[in-house]
Amino acid sequence: MKFMKLGTRPDTFFSNESVRSVCTEVATDLQILVGDCLYQLHKFPLLSKCLLLQALCAESGCGGNGGDVIELPGFPGGVEAFDACAKFCYGITVTVSARNLVPLRCAAAHLGMSEAADRGNLAAKLDAFLASCLLRRWKDALAVLNSTRHCAPLCEDIGLTSRCVDAVAALIASPAALPAHSSSASPWWAHDVAELGVDLFWRIMVAVKATGAVHEKTVGDALKAYARRWLPNVAKDGIVVGAADQPFDGAGNGGDGGNASVKQIATRHRLLLEKIVSLIPAERDAVSCSFLLKLLKAANILSASATSRAELVRRVAWQLEEATVGDLLIPSLSCLSETLYDVDAVAAILDEFTLRHAAAPPPPPVALAVSPDDDNSPARSGGHRRSRSAESVGFDGAARRSSSAAPVSPDALVRVGRLVDGFLIEVARDPNMPLDKLLAIAEAVPDTARPEHDGLYKVVDTYLKVHQEMSKSARKRLCRVINCRKLSDKACAHAAQNELLPLRVVVQVLFFEHARAAAMAGGGHAAAELPGSIRALLQSKSSGSDQEDDAADRVDEQRLRALAAGASPGDDWSVEGLRRAASKIATLRMKLEEDDDHDGGGGDDEEFARRQQAGLARSASLRFRAFCAIPAARPKRMLSKLWPLARGVTTERH
């Protein structure tokens, strides 16, 4: 650390209890009270260099030992600073370094020790030493800047703080100061700057960004280092653990009791968080999405301003594909919501992400337009429903678009779809999770983000297990988010035996699985053999009213259950079992053709052809319909009844 010595005379000051004087043959004629210490000095050396003492002596008319005492209350730097200024006036040696330069400079400014009082005065010498030596060295410049917080108002008035901030920013931006390689993830200067108070840190970062010489990713790393140093850690359940010391002056416990101290600390942390948010660079990859979501969690806990939370929501949506499910689990601390996690914040993020996806070139106006009539359709090519929960974080996503957001690649869109499904699986375990909010989040993602709906099926299955008291209409609403065409074989096998799913969903799963199996076997025409009325029932999306849907479901269920009466418990209703059943139906048709050939003559050929084209097709379709749609809650024995049913239909047609 550099230092400077002023004056050449030896130290002749001495103390006698609370009185401090100078050893000389000339009697003292000036008394000055600084704090609790009384100085007995001489007028000539002090008044010749201090404009303040000149004015005070002229005003009070003091003189001699019996004169009045000049009081200097609230002297900057205290007794030590005044003692050094007095020694400078007597020519006694004074050592100046980065540790005591700020109080000495503030004391010199307060006493008026400028060039107007005397040439080569203390203030000018300190300024020259600061500019030529201390501000050119990293450690010294930081030490000087850090010491300005003790006399912040006066340092601002004399421009000392601004000079130090500009010098530190220049050292950071200097190419010679930046090492070519660094073993730490943070920049070499981040840990040193992180020890400063939040106001000084904010000013340095603003100055660094203004230079344009430091990469924005480096600025983001410095912000992360500062947040780790001062912001409290937020646990998964929202509890603040391991809170760090306060980056503020006088951050200890005050005299207002424990409650006032906690409120004060929370207020200071909120100010710190808002300043960090305001410093986040505009570049997309300057900070990670995980870091942004941690800031959003802290913002919820500290009740940060709506502007800060809206900015965090926008930035998270900008790089949402980088997040993990754990990052999205934001604890809910709102007294208006009983949910474990803040789903409104996630809905606002998805709302902004939807705007980003919609703004990506080329624009897809047809895919983004969703008709109200198609509200119940689980398969909308490129369409989506918009979230309606952004108001809870003070951010209206529909009113603004991120002009700087990068387009969403197909791969990123799929990652977001998986991320949202994973988040929904976690929140579906919450008994207090409302169905409307769950559906709003599930439908906020474009349909192209989900090549398969296995994740959505897990969400539905988890929610049904936790909320078994749901009504039939609510279960139907929940299941409409699933597109049965996009379920894998494993998911179809599970859904076919899921007793919690509505009957209509099980029918759809089995129908599409049969159509898929037929297509794989080269029999793509098999699905077309089903009569139009049955296909309409299986593919129905409940376009009528809820009362009509419930009545139709009851009739269908009664008919299907009547066909299943009296079956054996050994039937196989897995996906592979269904494929074998379809093969058996084809075998039955071949046997029926052989029987008709033996029983009928030449005049019966035309009748046989007619039955072959119409009657048997309808019979096979009805048998398959009854076979597929039996509720999973009861034993299925349709395989043992297929042949008698087929013979009965044939007899009736004869």
Foldseek 3Di string as FASTA:
>chain_A
DDKDKFFDDAAQWDDDVQEIEGDDPDAFWAWEDFPSHIYGYHCVLLQLQFVQVVVVCVVQVGTGPPGDYHYDYPQQPTPVLVVQLVCNSVRHMDMGALQCLQSVLLNCVVRVRDVVRPNPTDNVVSVVCCVPPQLQDQVSLLSNLQVCQSVVVSCVVVVNNVVSLLSNLCLVLDPVNFDPDDPDPAGPCLVSLLLAALVSSLSNLVNNVVVVSDDLLNSLSSLVNNCVQAPFAADLQGDTPDGHQHSDPPLDDDPPDDVVSVLVRLVRNLVSLQSSLVSRDPDLVSDALLVLLRSLLSCQSSVHDLVSNQSSLLSCLLQVLRDALSSQQRADPDPVAPFGGDLLSVLLSLLLNLLLQCPAPPHDVVLADDDPLCPLAQDRQQYFDHADRNPVSPDDNVVDHDPPRHHQDLVSLLSNLVRLLVNLLVRLQTLRDDLVSSVNSLRSRTPSNPQACPSLLSSLLSNCVSCVVDDPVSLSSSVSNHDLLRYDLVSLQVLCQDQSHDLLVQLLNLLNLVCVVCVVVVNNCLSVLADPVVVCSNPPSCSDDPVVVVVVSVVVQVVLVVLQPPADQPQDPGSVSLVVLLVVLVVLLVVVLVVCVVPDDPVCPVVSVVCNVPVSSHLSNVLSSSQRRHRSVDGGGSSVVSNVSVVVSVVVVD
